[in-house]
PDB file of N, CA and C in Angstrom:
ATOM      1  N   MET A   1       0.841  -1.178   0.000  1.00  0.00           N
ATOM      2  CA  MET A   1       0.000   0.000   0.000  1.00  0.00           C
ATOM      3  C   MET A   1       0.887   1.243   0.000  1.00  0.00           C
ATOM      4  N   ALA A   2       0.632   2.133  -0.901  1.00  0.00           N
ATOM      5  CA  ALA A   2       1.420   3.358  -1.020  1.00  0.00           C
ATOM      6  C   ALA A   2       1.050   4.326   0.100  1.00  0.00           C
ATOM      7  N   ARG A   3       2.051   5.033   0.562  1.00  0.00           N
ATOM      8  CA  ARG A   3       1.828   6.011   1.621  1.00  0.00           C
ATOM      9  C   ARG A   3       1.202   7.263   1.029  1.00  0.00           C
ATOM     10  N   ARG A   4       0.153   7.740   1.694  1.00  0.00           N
ATOM     11  CA  ARG A   4      -0.525   8.943   1.212  1.00  0.00           C
ATOM     12  C   ARG A   4       0.317  10.170   1.502  1.00  0.00           C
ATOM     13  N   ARG A   5       0.359  11.038   0.552  1.00  0.00           N
ATOM     14  CA  ARG A   5       1.117  12.277   0.687  1.00  0.00           C
ATOM     15  C   ARG A   5       0.262  13.327   1.387  1.00  0.00           C
ATOM     16  N   LYS A   6       0.872  14.059   2.312  1.00  0.00           N
ATOM     17  CA  LYS A   6       0.136  15.113   3.013  1.00  0.00           C
ATOM     18  C   LYS A   6      -0.148  16.262   2.059  1.00  0.00           C
ATOM     19  N   SER A   7      -1.312  16.841   2.206  1.00  0.00           N
ATOM     20  CA  SER A   7      -1.667  17.994   1.386  1.00  0.00           C
ATOM     21  C   SER A   7      -0.930  19.226   1.901  1.00  0.00           C
ATOM     22  N   PRO A   8      -0.742  20.231   1.058  1.00  0.00           N
ATOM     23  CA  PRO A   8      -0.091  21.467   1.518  1.00  0.00           C
ATOM     24  C   PRO A   8      -0.835  22.108   2.690  1.00  0.00           C
ATOM     25  N   ALA A   9      -2.161  22.031   2.669  1.00  0.00           N
ATOM     26  CA  ALA A   9      -2.947  22.610   3.767  1.00  0.00           C
ATOM     27  C   ALA A   9      -2.663  21.876   5.072  1.00  0.00           C
ATOM     28  N   SER A  10      -2.551  20.565   5.011  1.00  0.00           N
ATOM     29  CA  SER A  10      -2.268  19.768   6.199  1.00  0.00           C
ATOM     30  C   SER A  10      -0.894  20.118   6.762  1.00  0.00           C
ATOM     31  N   SER A  11       0.074  20.304   5.878  1.00  0.00           N
ATOM     32  CA  SER A  11       1.413  20.683   6.316  1.00  0.00           C
ATOM     33  C   SER A  11       1.409  22.050   6.982  1.00  0.00           C
ATOM     34  N   MET A  12       0.641  22.982   6.428  1.00  0.00           N
ATOM     35  CA  MET A  12       0.561  24.322   7.006  1.00  0.00           C
ATOM     36  C   MET A  12      -0.092  24.287   8.387  1.00  0.00           C
ATOM     37  N   ILE A  13      -1.134  23.476   8.537  1.00  0.00           N
ATOM     38  CA  ILE A  13      -1.815  23.366   9.828  1.00  0.00           C
ATOM     39  C   ILE A  13      -0.868  22.760  10.859  1.00  0.00           C
ATOM     40  N   SER A  14      -0.135  21.733  10.460  1.00  0.00           N
ATOM     41  CA  SER A  14       0.829  21.100  11.361  1.00  0.00           C
ATOM     42  C   SER A  14       1.903  22.102  11.784  1.00  0.00           C
ATOM     43  N   ALA A  15       2.415  22.867  10.842  1.00  0.00           N
ATOM     44  CA  ALA A  15       3.427  23.882  11.155  1.00  0.00           C
ATOM     45  C   ALA A  15       2.853  24.950  12.082  1.00  0.00           C
ATOM     46  N   SER A  16       1.583  25.312  11.872  1.00  0.00           N
ATOM     47  CA  SER A  16       0.938  26.319  12.731  1.00  0.00           C
ATOM     48  C   SER A  16       0.831  25.825  14.167  1.00  0.00           C
ATOM     49  N   PHE A  17       0.479  24.564  14.347  1.00  0.00           N
ATOM     50  CA  PHE A  17       0.381  24.003  15.692  1.00  0.00           C
ATOM     51  C   PHE A  17       1.753  23.947  16.360  1.00  0.00           C
ATOM     52  N   ASP A  18       2.783  23.595  15.591  1.00  0.00           N
ATOM     53  CA  ASP A  18       4.138  23.581  16.135  1.00  0.00           C
ATOM     54  C   ASP A  18       4.549  24.969  16.617  1.00  0.00           C
ATOM     55  N   MET A  19       4.261  25.978  15.813  1.00  0.00           N
ATOM     56  CA  MET A  19       4.614  27.349  16.179  1.00  0.00           C
ATOM     57  C   MET A  19       3.816  27.813  17.396  1.00  0.00           C
ATOM     58  N   ALA A  20       2.547  27.451  17.469  1.00  0.00           N
ATOM     59  CA  ALA A  20       1.727  27.837  18.626  1.00  0.00           C
ATOM     60  C   ALA A  20       2.256  27.179  19.899  1.00  0.00           C
ATOM     61  N   ARG A  21       2.665  25.918  19.804  1.00  0.00           N
ATOM     62  CA  ARG A  21       3.223  25.218  20.964  1.00  0.00           C
ATOM     63  C   ARG A  21       4.530  25.884  21.402  1.00  0.00           C
ATOM     64  N   MET A  22       5.362  26.237  20.436  1.00  0.00           N
ATOM     65  CA  MET A  22       6.617  26.920  20.764  1.00  0.00           C
ATOM     66  C   MET A  22       6.350  28.276  21.428  1.00  0.00           C
ATOM     67  N   ALA A  23       5.358  28.998  20.938  1.00  0.00           N
ATOM     68  CA  ALA A  23       5.024  30.304  21.510  1.00  0.00           C
ATOM     69  C   ALA A  23       4.556  30.164  22.958  1.00  0.00           C
ATOM     70  N   ALA A  24       3.719  29.160  23.225  1.00  0.00           N
ATOM     71  CA  ALA A  24       3.239  28.939  24.596  1.00  0.00           C
ATOM     72  C   ALA A  24       4.392  28.548  25.514  1.00  0.00           C
ATOM     73  N   ASP A  25       5.267  27.667  25.041  1.00  0.00           N
ATOM     74  CA  ASP A  25       6.419  27.261  25.849  1.00  0.00           C
ATOM     75  C   ASP A  25       7.343  28.447  26.104  1.00  0.00           C
ATOM     76  N   ALA A  26       7.528  29.286  25.093  1.00  0.00           N
ATOM     77  CA  ALA A  26       8.389  30.468  25.253  1.00  0.00           C
ATOM     78  C   ALA A  26       7.811  31.414  26.302  1.00  0.00           C
ATOM     79  N   GLN A  27       6.495  31.570  26.320  1.00  0.00           N
ATOM     80  CA  GLN A  27       5.873  32.439  27.325  1.00  0.00           C
ATOM     81  C   GLN A  27       6.111  31.901  28.731  1.00  0.00           C
ATOM     82  N   PHE A  28       6.047  30.567  28.881  1.00  0.00           N
ATOM     83  CA  PHE A  28       6.318  29.975  30.189  1.00  0.00           C
ATOM     84  C   PHE A  28       7.750  30.262  30.618  1.00  0.00           C
ATOM     85  N   VAL A  29       8.697  30.040  29.709  1.00  0.00           N
ATOM     86  CA  VAL A  29      10.113  30.239  30.026  1.00  0.00           C
ATOM     87  C   VAL A  29      10.376  31.699  30.384  1.00  0.00           C
ATOM     88  N   ILE A  30       9.801  32.622  29.635  1.00  0.00           N
ATOM     89  CA  ILE A  30       9.973  34.049  29.924  1.00  0.00           C
ATOM     90  C   ILE A  30       9.410  34.380  31.307  1.00  0.00           C
ATOM     91  N   ALA A  31       8.214  33.887  31.607  1.00  0.00           N
ATOM     92  CA  ALA A  31       7.595  34.154  32.906  1.00  0.00           C
ATOM     93  C   ALA A  31       8.425  33.563  34.045  1.00  0.00           C
ATOM     94  N   ALA A  32       8.916  32.344  33.866  1.00  0.00           N
ATOM     95  CA  ALA A  32       9.718  31.705  34.914  1.00  0.00           C
ATOM     96  C   ALA A  32      11.008  32.473  35.148  1.00  0.00           C
ATOM     97  N   ARG A  33      11.636  32.914  34.074  1.00  0.00           N
ATOM     98  CA  ARG A  33      12.877  33.676  34.218  1.00  0.00           C
ATOM     99  C   ARG A  33      12.623  35.037  34.861  1.00  0.00           C
ATOM    100  N   MET A  34      11.562  35.709  34.473  1.00  0.00           N
ATOM    101  CA  MET A  34      11.252  37.014  35.069  1.00  0.00           C
ATOM    102  C   MET A  34      10.947  36.863  36.558  1.00  0.00           C
ATOM    103  N   PHE A  35      10.231  35.818  36.922  1.00  0.00           N
ATOM    104  CA  PHE A  35       9.939  35.563  38.331  1.00  0.00           C
ATOM    105  C   PHE A  35      11.240  35.348  39.097  1.00  0.00           C
ATOM    106  N   GLY A  36      12.132  34.542  38.529  1.00  0.00           N
ATOM    107  CA  GLY A  36      13.411  34.283  39.183  1.00  0.00           C
ATOM    108  C   GLY A  36      14.248  35.537  39.338  1.00  0.00           C
ATOM    109  N   LEU A  37      14.242  36.375  38.316  1.00  0.00           N
ATOM    110  CA  LEU A  37      15.016  37.622  38.394  1.00  0.00           C
ATOM    111  C   LEU A  37      14.396  38.601  39.385  1.00  0.00           C
ATOM    112  N   ALA A  38      13.061  38.674  39.400  1.00  0.00           N
ATOM    113  CA  ALA A  38      12.375  39.611  40.291  1.00  0.00           C
ATOM    114  C   ALA A  38      12.501  39.217  41.763  1.00  0.00           C
ATOM    115  N   THR A  39      12.570  37.934  42.021  1.00  0.00           N
ATOM    116  CA  THR A  39      12.634  37.458  43.403  1.00  0.00           C
ATOM    117  C   THR A  39      14.050  37.066  43.821  1.00  0.00           C
ATOM    118  N   SER A  40      15.003  37.298  42.956  1.00  0.00           N
ATOM    119  CA  SER A  40      16.416  36.959  43.207  1.00  0.00           C
ATOM    120  C   SER A  40      16.623  35.473  43.475  1.00  0.00           C
ATOM    121  N   THR A  41      15.787  34.638  42.872  1.00  0.00           N
ATOM    122  CA  THR A  41      15.937  33.185  43.022  1.00  0.00           C
ATOM    123  C   THR A  41      16.492  32.549  41.752  1.00  0.00           C
ATOM    124  N   ALA A  42      16.803  33.356  40.757  1.00  0.00           N
ATOM    125  CA  ALA A  42      17.346  32.826  39.509  1.00  0.00           C
ATOM    126  C   ALA A  42      18.733  32.243  39.758  1.00  0.00           C
ATOM    127  N   ALA A  43      19.039  31.182  39.032  1.00  0.00           N
ATOM    128  CA  ALA A  43      20.348  30.550  39.165  1.00  0.00           C
ATOM    129  C   ALA A  43      21.442  31.530  38.753  1.00  0.00           C
ATOM    130  N   LYS A  44      22.589  31.373  39.358  1.00  0.00           N
ATOM    131  CA  LYS A  44      23.717  32.239  39.018  1.00  0.00           C
ATOM    132  C   LYS A  44      24.067  32.020  37.542  1.00  0.00           C
ATOM    133  N   GLY A  45      24.223  33.095  36.820  1.00  0.00           N
ATOM    134  CA  GLY A  45      24.559  33.010  35.405  1.00  0.00           C
ATOM    135  C   GLY A  45      23.360  32.908  34.479  1.00  0.00           C
ATOM    136  N   GLU A  46      22.162  32.964  35.015  1.00  0.00           N
ATOM    137  CA  GLU A  46      20.957  32.841  34.172  1.00  0.00           C
ATOM    138  C   GLU A  46      20.865  33.987  33.169  1.00  0.00           C
ATOM    139  N   ASN A  47      21.255  35.187  33.586  1.00  0.00           N
ATOM    140  CA  ASN A  47      21.214  36.346  32.676  1.00  0.00           C
ATOM    141  C   ASN A  47      22.080  36.096  31.451  1.00  0.00           C
ATOM    142  N   THR A  48      23.291  35.645  31.681  1.00  0.00           N
ATOM    143  CA  THR A  48      24.217  35.384  30.581  1.00  0.00           C
ATOM    144  C   THR A  48      23.731  34.211  29.743  1.00  0.00           C
ATOM    145  N   ARG A  49      23.255  33.188  30.410  1.00  0.00           N
ATOM    146  CA  ARG A  49      22.804  31.980  29.715  1.00  0.00           C
ATOM    147  C   ARG A  49      21.667  32.278  28.736  1.00  0.00           C
ATOM    148  N   MET A  50      20.714  33.113  29.161  1.00  0.00           N
ATOM    149  CA  MET A  50      19.559  33.344  28.289  1.00  0.00           C
ATOM    150  C   MET A  50      19.924  34.125  27.033  1.00  0.00           C
ATOM    151  N   ILE A  51      21.008  34.849  27.045  1.00  0.00           N
ATOM    152  CA  ILE A  51      21.462  35.552  25.836  1.00  0.00           C
ATOM    153  C   ILE A  51      22.305  34.612  24.970  1.00  0.00           C
ATOM    154  N   ALA A  52      23.249  33.934  25.592  1.00  0.00           N
ATOM    155  CA  ALA A  52      24.182  33.073  24.854  1.00  0.00           C
ATOM    156  C   ALA A  52      23.466  31.929  24.139  1.00  0.00           C
ATOM    157  N   GLU A  53      22.462  31.342  24.777  1.00  0.00           N
ATOM    158  CA  GLU A  53      21.785  30.204  24.146  1.00  0.00           C
ATOM    159  C   GLU A  53      20.978  30.623  22.917  1.00  0.00           C
ATOM    160  N   LYS A  54      20.475  31.840  22.927  1.00  0.00           N
ATOM    161  CA  LYS A  54      19.738  32.333  21.757  1.00  0.00           C
ATOM    162  C   LYS A  54      20.681  32.509  20.571  1.00  0.00           C
ATOM    163  N   GLN A  55      21.851  33.053  20.840  1.00  0.00           N
ATOM    164  CA  GLN A  55      22.827  33.244  19.775  1.00  0.00           C
ATOM    165  C   GLN A  55      23.262  31.904  19.193  1.00  0.00           C
ATOM    166  N   ALA A  56      23.513  30.932  20.046  1.00  0.00           N
ATOM    167  CA  ALA A  56      23.942  29.614  19.581  1.00  0.00           C
ATOM    168  C   ALA A  56      22.844  28.921  18.783  1.00  0.00           C
ATOM    169  N   ALA A  57      21.597  28.986  19.266  1.00  0.00           N
ATOM    170  CA  ALA A  57      20.482  28.347  18.562  1.00  0.00           C
ATOM    171  C   ALA A  57      20.220  29.012  17.214  1.00  0.00           C
ATOM    172  N   MET A  58      20.344  30.334  17.172  1.00  0.00           N
ATOM    173  CA  MET A  58      20.117  31.054  15.918  1.00  0.00           C
ATOM    174  C   MET A  58      21.191  30.702  14.884  1.00  0.00           C
ATOM    175  N   ALA A  59      22.436  30.664  15.318  1.00  0.00           N
ATOM    176  CA  ALA A  59      23.532  30.336  14.401  1.00  0.00           C
ATOM    177  C   ALA A  59      23.399  28.899  13.887  1.00  0.00           C
ATOM    178  N   GLU A  60      23.096  27.968  14.789  1.00  0.00           N
ATOM    179  CA  GLU A  60      22.935  26.574  14.373  1.00  0.00           C
ATOM    180  C   GLU A  60      21.740  26.411  13.440  1.00  0.00           C
ATOM    181  N   GLY A  61      20.636  27.097  13.745  1.00  0.00           N
ATOM    182  CA  GLY A  61      19.448  27.030  12.889  1.00  0.00           C
ATOM    183  C   GLY A  61      19.712  27.576  11.499  1.00  0.00           C
ATOM    184  N   ALA A  62      20.439  28.678  11.425  1.00  0.00           N
ATOM    185  CA  ALA A  62      20.774  29.261  10.123  1.00  0.00           C
ATOM    186  C   ALA A  62      21.646  28.304   9.314  1.00  0.00           C
ATOM    187  N   MET A  63      22.599  27.678   9.990  1.00  0.00           N
ATOM    188  CA  MET A  63      23.480  26.736   9.305  1.00  0.00           C
ATOM    189  C   MET A  63      22.700  25.521   8.799  1.00  0.00           C
ATOM    190  N   ARG A  64      21.853  24.972   9.649  1.00  0.00           N
ATOM    191  CA  ARG A  64      21.056  23.795   9.257  1.00  0.00           C
ATOM    192  C   ARG A  64      20.082  24.126   8.129  1.00  0.00           C
ATOM    193  N   ALA A  65      19.486  25.317   8.175  1.00  0.00           N
ATOM    194  CA  ALA A  65      18.566  25.725   7.104  1.00  0.00           C
ATOM    195  C   ALA A  65      19.331  25.880   5.792  1.00  0.00           C
ATOM    196  N   GLY A  66      20.513  26.454   5.866  1.00  0.00           N
ATOM    197  CA  GLY A  66      21.330  26.611   4.664  1.00  0.00           C
ATOM    198  C   GLY A  66      21.703  25.273   4.050  1.00  0.00           C
ATOM    199  N   ILE A  67      22.081  24.325   4.886  1.00  0.00           N
ATOM    200  CA  ILE A  67      22.420  22.989   4.387  1.00  0.00           C
ATOM    201  C   ILE A  67      21.193  22.326   3.774  1.00  0.00           C
ATOM    202  N   ALA A  68      20.049  22.455   4.441  1.00  0.00           N
ATOM    203  CA  ALA A  68      18.814  21.859   3.920  1.00  0.00           C
ATOM    204  C   ALA A  68      18.444  22.461   2.567  1.00  0.00           C
ATOM    205  N   ALA A  69      18.578  23.775   2.449  1.00  0.00           N
ATOM    206  CA  ALA A  69      18.261  24.446   1.181  1.00  0.00           C
ATOM    207  C   ALA A  69      19.242  24.035   0.086  1.00  0.00           C
ATOM    208  N   ALA A  70      20.517  23.943   0.435  1.00  0.00           N
ATOM    209  CA  ALA A  70      21.543  23.592  -0.552  1.00  0.00           C
ATOM    210  C   ALA A  70      21.409  22.159  -1.044  1.00  0.00           C
ATOM    211  N   THR A  71      20.805  21.309  -0.230  1.00  0.00           N
ATOM    212  CA  THR A  71      20.638  19.906  -0.633  1.00  0.00           C
ATOM    213  C   THR A  71      19.272  19.632  -1.245  1.00  0.00           C
ATOM    214  N   GLY A  72      18.516  20.701  -1.512  1.00  0.00           N
ATOM    215  CA  GLY A  72      17.253  20.550  -2.237  1.00  0.00           C
ATOM    216  C   GLY A  72      16.058  20.097  -1.422  1.00  0.00           C
ATOM    217  N   LYS A  73      16.071  20.357  -0.139  1.00  0.00           N
ATOM    218  CA  LYS A  73      14.938  19.975   0.711  1.00  0.00           C
ATOM    219  C   LYS A  73      13.737  20.872   0.430  1.00  0.00           C
ATOM    220  N   SER A  74      12.562  20.402   0.868  1.00  0.00           N
ATOM    221  CA  SER A  74      11.325  21.165   0.678  1.00  0.00           C
ATOM    222  C   SER A  74      11.316  22.368   1.619  1.00  0.00           C
ATOM    223  N   PRO A  75      10.475  23.368   1.326  1.00  0.00           N
ATOM    224  CA  PRO A  75      10.386  24.528   2.226  1.00  0.00           C
ATOM    225  C   PRO A  75      10.054  24.143   3.672  1.00  0.00           C
ATOM    226  N   LYS A  76       9.179  23.163   3.853  1.00  0.00           N
ATOM    227  CA  LYS A  76       8.830  22.739   5.211  1.00  0.00           C
ATOM    228  C   LYS A  76      10.039  22.113   5.903  1.00  0.00           C
ATOM    229  N   GLN A  77      10.796  21.305   5.173  1.00  0.00           N
ATOM    230  CA  GLN A  77      11.986  20.690   5.760  1.00  0.00           C
ATOM    231  C   GLN A  77      13.045  21.745   6.113  1.00  0.00           C
ATOM    232  N   ILE A  78      13.145  22.765   5.283  1.00  0.00           N
ATOM    233  CA  ILE A  78      14.086  23.855   5.561  1.00  0.00           C
ATOM    234  C   ILE A  78      13.661  24.598   6.828  1.00  0.00           C
ATOM    235  N   ALA A  79      12.364  24.897   6.930  1.00  0.00           N
ATOM    236  CA  ALA A  79      11.851  25.593   8.124  1.00  0.00           C
ATOM    237  C   ALA A  79      12.048  24.747   9.378  1.00  0.00           C
ATOM    238  N   ASN A  80      11.781  23.448   9.270  1.00  0.00           N
ATOM    239  CA  ASN A  80      11.975  22.560  10.422  1.00  0.00           C
ATOM    240  C   ASN A  80      13.443  22.508  10.830  1.00  0.00           C
ATOM    241  N   ALA A  81      14.341  22.479   9.844  1.00  0.00           N
ATOM    242  CA  ALA A  81      15.780  22.469  10.146  1.00  0.00           C
ATOM    243  C   ALA A  81      16.179  23.761  10.850  1.00  0.00           C
ATOM    244  N   ALA A  82      15.608  24.876  10.417  1.00  0.00           N
ATOM    245  CA  ALA A  82      15.929  26.172  11.029  1.00  0.00           C
ATOM    246  C   ALA A  82      15.406  26.258  12.461  1.00  0.00           C
ATOM    247  N   MET A  83      14.237  25.687  12.717  1.00  0.00           N
ATOM    248  CA  MET A  83      13.611  25.790  14.040  1.00  0.00           C
ATOM    249  C   MET A  83      14.080  24.734  15.029  1.00  0.00           C
ATOM    250  N   ALA A  84      14.663  23.644  14.564  1.00  0.00           N
ATOM    251  CA  ALA A  84      15.014  22.531  15.454  1.00  0.00           C
ATOM    252  C   ALA A  84      15.909  22.933  16.629  1.00  0.00           C
ATOM    253  N   PRO A  85      16.978  23.690  16.410  1.00  0.00           N
ATOM    254  CA  PRO A  85      17.817  24.062  17.563  1.00  0.00           C
ATOM    255  C   PRO A  85      17.069  24.927  18.594  1.00  0.00           C
ATOM    256  N   ALA A  86      16.254  25.841  18.117  1.00  0.00           N
ATOM    257  CA  ALA A  86      15.481  26.688  19.040  1.00  0.00           C
ATOM    258  C   ALA A  86      14.449  25.847  19.795  1.00  0.00           C
ATOM    259  N   LYS A  87      13.817  24.903  19.106  1.00  0.00           N
ATOM    260  CA  LYS A  87      12.846  24.017  19.758  1.00  0.00           C
ATOM    261  C   LYS A  87      13.510  23.198  20.853  1.00  0.00           C
ATOM    262  N   ARG A  88      14.680  22.660  20.551  1.00  0.00           N
ATOM    263  CA  ARG A  88      15.411  21.834  21.510  1.00  0.00           C
ATOM    264  C   ARG A  88      15.802  22.666  22.732  1.00  0.00           C
ATOM    265  N   THR A  89      16.311  23.873  22.514  1.00  0.00           N
ATOM    266  CA  THR A  89      16.715  24.752  23.611  1.00  0.00           C
ATOM    267  C   THR A  89      15.509  25.149  24.452  1.00  0.00           C
ATOM    268  N   LEU A  90      14.411  25.458  23.798  1.00  0.00           N
ATOM    269  CA  LEU A  90      13.192  25.851  24.493  1.00  0.00           C
ATOM    270  C   LEU A  90      12.664  24.715  25.367  1.00  0.00           C
ATOM    271  N   ALA A  91      12.651  23.496  24.825  1.00  0.00           N
ATOM    272  CA  ALA A  91      12.178  22.344  25.600  1.00  0.00           C
ATOM    273  C   ALA A  91      13.075  22.094  26.813  1.00  0.00           C
ATOM    274  N   ALA A  92      14.384  22.229  26.622  1.00  0.00           N
ATOM    275  CA  ALA A  92      15.313  22.031  27.740  1.00  0.00           C
ATOM    276  C   ALA A  92      15.117  23.107  28.806  1.00  0.00           C
ATOM    277  N   ASN A  93      14.908  24.347  28.390  1.00  0.00           N
ATOM    278  CA  ASN A  93      14.678  25.434  29.350  1.00  0.00           C
ATOM    279  C   ASN A  93      13.388  25.221  30.120  1.00  0.00           C
ATOM    280  N   LYS A  94      12.343  24.812  29.418  1.00  0.00           N
ATOM    281  CA  LYS A  94      11.064  24.581  30.084  1.00  0.00           C
ATOM    282  C   LYS A  94      11.204  23.488  31.136  1.00  0.00           C
ATOM    283  N   LYS A  95      11.893  22.426  30.785  1.00  0.00           N
ATOM    284  CA  LYS A  95      12.090  21.332  31.728  1.00  0.00           C
ATOM    285  C   LYS A  95      12.946  21.790  32.914  1.00  0.00           C
ATOM    286  N   ARG A  96      14.034  22.498  32.624  1.00  0.00           N
ATOM    287  CA  ARG A  96      14.945  22.962  33.667  1.00  0.00           C
ATOM    288  C   ARG A  96      14.288  23.954  34.613  1.00  0.00           C
ATOM    289  N   LEU A  97      13.419  24.806  34.074  1.00  0.00           N
ATOM    290  CA  LEU A  97      12.776  25.838  34.890  1.00  0.00           C
ATOM    291  C   LEU A  97      11.476  25.366  35.545  1.00  0.00           C
ATOM    292  N   GLY A  98      11.149  24.093  35.375  1.00  0.00           N
ATOM    293  CA  GLY A  98      10.010  23.524  36.086  1.00  0.00           C
ATOM    294  C   GLY A  98       8.729  23.434  35.299  1.00  0.00           C
ATOM    295  N   GLY A  99       8.798  23.475  33.991  1.00  0.00           N
ATOM    296  CA  GLY A  99       7.582  23.457  33.197  1.00  0.00           C
ATOM    297  C   GLY A  99       7.107  22.099  32.753  1.00  0.00           C
ATOM    298  N   SER A 100       7.853  21.049  33.062  1.00  0.00           N
ATOM    299  CA  SER A 100       7.403  19.732  32.645  1.00  0.00           C
ATOM    300  C   SER A 100       6.850  18.999  33.862  1.00  0.00           C
ATOM    301  N   LYS A 101       5.857  18.173  33.616  1.00  0.00           N
ATOM    302  CA  LYS A 101       5.274  17.396  34.702  1.00  0.00           C
ATOM    303  C   LYS A 101       6.247  16.283  35.079  1.00  0.00           C
ATOM    304  N   ARG A 102       6.422  16.090  36.341  1.00  0.00           N
ATOM    305  CA  ARG A 102       7.339  15.064  36.815  1.00  0.00           C
ATOM    306  C   ARG A 102       6.558  13.870  37.338  1.00  0.00           C
ATOM    307  N   LYS A 103       7.031  12.679  37.007  1.00  0.00           N
ATOM    308  CA  LYS A 103       6.375  11.458  37.483  1.00  0.00           C
ATOM    309  C   LYS A 103       6.550  11.328  38.979  1.00  0.00           C
ATOM    310  N   GLY A 104       5.490  10.869  39.621  1.00  0.00           N
ATOM    311  CA  GLY A 104       5.565  10.570  41.043  1.00  0.00           C
ATOM    312  C   GLY A 104       5.397  11.771  41.957  1.00  0.00           C
ATOM    313  N   LYS A 105       5.315  12.950  41.425  1.00  0.00           N
ATOM    314  CA  LYS A 105       5.146  14.142  42.255  1.00  0.00           C
ATOM    315  C   LYS A 105       3.662  14.471  42.370  1.00  0.00           C
ATOM    316  N   THR A 106       3.191  14.669  43.569  1.00  0.00           N
ATOM    317  CA  THR A 106       1.817  15.083  43.787  1.00  0.00           C
ATOM    318  C   THR A 106       1.794  16.280  44.694  1.00  0.00           C
ATOM    319  N   LYS A 107       0.758  17.051  44.564  1.00  0.00           N
ATOM    320  CA  LYS A 107       0.628  18.249  45.412  1.00  0.00           C
ATOM    321  C   LYS A 107      -0.364  18.017  46.497  1.00  0.00           C
TER     322      LYS A 107
END
């Protein structure tokens, strides 16, 4: 049985949901960092870390997007390659700052 190809509309909807999820996660990370800075509970070096990681993710994303484009990937694959480093950094920050549910913890 041949695999059905996704329609362009389906790909756009999927990309929209990915971007919305990233936006929500980014808002959590921003709020957690602002709370930490306002209450002086932020980890030492958090100010520097939040700038440096953006620069690294942006540079890596640009490089990956360039490679994807040069090798003839589709626009969606190029966009995914560009966003992957930022997505990974965002997920790690959310987990580190307390945004992921932990097994076995109850309130």
